[in-house]
Each structure stands twice: as structure tokens, then as C-alpha cells.
């Protein structure tokens, strides 16, 4: 995590905590006044489902957005061709 702080200005805002279901350790970071939050995920062992992603090079696994009202946001994104999962 020092790399994220020293080189990119990100600070720890939540975590580290372990998710025993996904078998990962997780923390969240942001850059102070910036609304963007990144989630760092580390496997807790060889049987973590996340290990399937690592040989592909990792990268952005999912992106989340905060909106004031979910229903109109879903409607708009559906109209634009997004799929609700």
C-alpha cells in the first residue's frame, strides 16, 4: 500500500478486513477530496476464487457508481444498452 500512498496519493479509508467467503483480504482507498474509491483485494490462499483472475493480469474487476436515486439510473443505463445483473 505504500506505493498507492507515495506515488498516487491514495490513503486507506477502510480495512484491512478478511472476507472468508471469497477467501480474500480487502481494503478501500481514496485520494481525500476525490469521490473515487479503489478496492484492493489480496487472496488468502490457493483456493480463493480470485486466483482465477490473477493469471489474466488482474485489472479492474468491477466498477461501482453512487447515484442519488437508483430507479432512474437503472432505467437510463438499460436504455443505453447496459445489463442489470
C-alpha atoms as a PDB file:
ATOM      1  CA  UNK A   1       0.000   0.000   0.000  1.00  0.00           C
ATOM      2  CA  UNK A   2       2.848   2.491   0.403  1.00  0.00           C
ATOM      3  CA  UNK A   3       3.090   2.585  -3.414  1.00  0.00           C
ATOM      4  CA  UNK A   4      -0.513   3.802  -3.647  1.00  0.00           C
ATOM      5  CA  UNK A   5       0.156   6.461  -0.999  1.00  0.00           C
ATOM      6  CA  UNK A   6       3.591   7.651  -2.114  1.00  0.00           C
ATOM      7  CA  UNK A   7       3.173   7.539  -5.882  1.00  0.00           C
ATOM      8  CA  UNK A   8      -0.554   8.148  -6.353  1.00  0.00           C
ATOM      9  CA  UNK A   9      -1.714   9.970  -3.199  1.00  0.00           C
ATOM     10  CA  UNK A  10      -4.265   7.371  -2.090  1.00  0.00           C
ATOM     11  CA  UNK A  11      -4.986   6.954   1.648  1.00  0.00           C
ATOM     12  CA  UNK A  12      -6.532   4.000   3.474  1.00  0.00           C
ATOM     13  CA  UNK A  13     -10.182   4.735   4.338  1.00  0.00           C
ATOM     14  CA  UNK A  14     -11.447   1.279   5.351  1.00  0.00           C
ATOM     15  CA  UNK A  15      -9.886  -2.088   6.084  1.00  0.00           C
ATOM     16  CA  UNK A  16      -7.938  -4.333   6.023  1.00  0.00           C
ATOM     17  CA  UNK A  17     -10.513  -6.974   6.680  1.00  0.00           C
ATOM     18  CA  UNK A  18     -10.846 -10.568   5.605  1.00  0.00           C
ATOM     19  CA  UNK A  19     -13.788 -11.938   3.624  1.00  0.00           C
ATOM     20  CA  UNK A  20     -13.909 -15.643   4.498  1.00  0.00           C
ATOM     21  CA  UNK A  21     -16.489 -16.419   1.789  1.00  0.00           C
ATOM     22  CA  UNK A  22     -14.309 -15.110  -1.059  1.00  0.00           C
ATOM     23  CA  UNK A  23     -11.118 -16.004   0.834  1.00  0.00           C
ATOM     24  CA  UNK A  24      -9.616 -12.552   0.303  1.00  0.00           C
ATOM     25  CA  UNK A  25      -8.312  -9.638   2.318  1.00  0.00           C
ATOM     26  CA  UNK A  26      -9.779  -6.271   1.291  1.00  0.00           C
ATOM     27  CA  UNK A  27      -9.173  -2.582   1.893  1.00  0.00           C
ATOM     28  CA  UNK A  28     -10.530   0.622   0.379  1.00  0.00           C
ATOM     29  CA  UNK A  29      -8.550   3.746  -0.502  1.00  0.00           C
ATOM     30  CA  UNK A  30      -9.207   7.184  -1.986  1.00  0.00           C
ATOM     31  CA  UNK A  31      -7.456  10.469  -2.601  1.00  0.00           C
ATOM     32  CA  UNK A  32      -9.054  12.654   0.057  1.00  0.00           C
ATOM     33  CA  UNK A  33     -11.459  15.037  -1.635  1.00  0.00           C
ATOM     34  CA  UNK A  34     -11.832  12.682  -4.613  1.00  0.00           C
ATOM     35  CA  UNK A  35     -15.068  10.655  -4.750  1.00  0.00           C
ATOM     36  CA  UNK A  36     -13.310   7.751  -6.448  1.00  0.00           C
ATOM     37  CA  UNK A  37     -12.642   4.803  -4.149  1.00  0.00           C
ATOM     38  CA  UNK A  38     -10.452   1.863  -5.106  1.00  0.00           C
ATOM     39  CA  UNK A  39     -10.751  -1.578  -3.574  1.00  0.00           C
ATOM     40  CA  UNK A  40      -7.565  -3.590  -3.186  1.00  0.00           C
ATOM     41  CA  UNK A  41      -8.042  -7.347  -2.975  1.00  0.00           C
ATOM     42  CA  UNK A  42      -5.467  -9.954  -1.927  1.00  0.00           C
ATOM     43  CA  UNK A  43      -6.053 -13.687  -1.853  1.00  0.00           C
ATOM     44  CA  UNK A  44      -5.925 -15.516   1.454  1.00  0.00           C
ATOM     45  CA  UNK A  45      -4.839 -18.805  -0.072  1.00  0.00           C
ATOM     46  CA  UNK A  46      -4.670 -21.000  -3.147  1.00  0.00           C
ATOM     47  CA  UNK A  47      -8.380 -21.872  -3.035  1.00  0.00           C
ATOM     48  CA  UNK A  48      -9.602 -18.248  -3.303  1.00  0.00           C
ATOM     49  CA  UNK A  49     -11.892 -17.681  -6.316  1.00  0.00           C
ATOM     50  CA  UNK A  50      -9.884 -14.530  -7.053  1.00  0.00           C
ATOM     51  CA  UNK A  51      -6.940 -16.714  -8.093  1.00  0.00           C
ATOM     52  CA  UNK A  52      -8.737 -17.410 -11.399  1.00  0.00           C
ATOM     53  CA  UNK A  53      -8.460 -13.702 -12.271  1.00  0.00           C
ATOM     54  CA  UNK A  54      -4.772 -13.256 -11.497  1.00  0.00           C
ATOM     55  CA  UNK A  55      -3.355 -15.239 -14.470  1.00  0.00           C
ATOM     56  CA  UNK A  56      -5.364 -12.923 -16.742  1.00  0.00           C
ATOM     57  CA  UNK A  57      -3.406  -9.946 -15.413  1.00  0.00           C
ATOM     58  CA  UNK A  58      -5.844  -8.619 -12.819  1.00  0.00           C
ATOM     59  CA  UNK A  59      -7.083  -5.128 -13.550  1.00  0.00           C
ATOM     60  CA  UNK A  60     -10.455  -3.530 -12.992  1.00  0.00           C
ATOM     61  CA  UNK A  61     -12.770  -6.298 -11.873  1.00  0.00           C
ATOM     62  CA  UNK A  62     -15.893  -4.222 -11.386  1.00  0.00           C
ATOM     63  CA  UNK A  63     -16.861  -0.577 -11.297  1.00  0.00           C
ATOM     64  CA  UNK A  64     -19.466   0.914  -8.946  1.00  0.00           C
ATOM     65  CA  UNK A  65     -21.184   4.292  -9.063  1.00  0.00           C
ATOM     66  CA  UNK A  66     -23.166   6.138  -6.414  1.00  0.00           C
ATOM     67  CA  UNK A  67     -26.348   7.822  -7.644  1.00  0.00           C
ATOM     68  CA  UNK A  68     -28.988   9.883  -5.809  1.00  0.00           C
ATOM     69  CA  UNK A  69     -31.883   7.665  -6.997  1.00  0.00           C
ATOM     70  CA  UNK A  70     -31.330   4.099  -8.191  1.00  0.00           C
ATOM     71  CA  UNK A  71     -34.508   3.550 -10.242  1.00  0.00           C
ATOM     72  CA  UNK A  72     -33.935   6.358 -12.796  1.00  0.00           C
ATOM     73  CA  UNK A  73     -30.259   5.385 -13.057  1.00  0.00           C
ATOM     74  CA  UNK A  74     -31.178   1.772 -13.859  1.00  0.00           C
ATOM     75  CA  UNK A  75     -33.746   2.932 -16.412  1.00  0.00           C
ATOM     76  CA  UNK A  76     -31.240   5.256 -18.102  1.00  0.00           C
ATOM     77  CA  UNK A  77     -28.462   2.650 -18.227  1.00  0.00           C
ATOM     78  CA  UNK A  78     -30.878  -0.004 -19.542  1.00  0.00           C
ATOM     79  CA  UNK A  79     -31.903   2.380 -22.336  1.00  0.00           C
ATOM     80  CA  UNK A  80     -28.204   2.798 -23.163  1.00  0.00           C
ATOM     81  CA  UNK A  81     -27.754  -0.972 -23.541  1.00  0.00           C
ATOM     82  CA  UNK A  82     -26.365  -1.880 -20.115  1.00  0.00           C
ATOM     83  CA  UNK A  83     -27.448  -5.129 -18.492  1.00  0.00           C
ATOM     84  CA  UNK A  84     -28.729  -5.280 -14.929  1.00  0.00           C
ATOM     85  CA  UNK A  85     -27.086  -8.177 -13.127  1.00  0.00           C
END
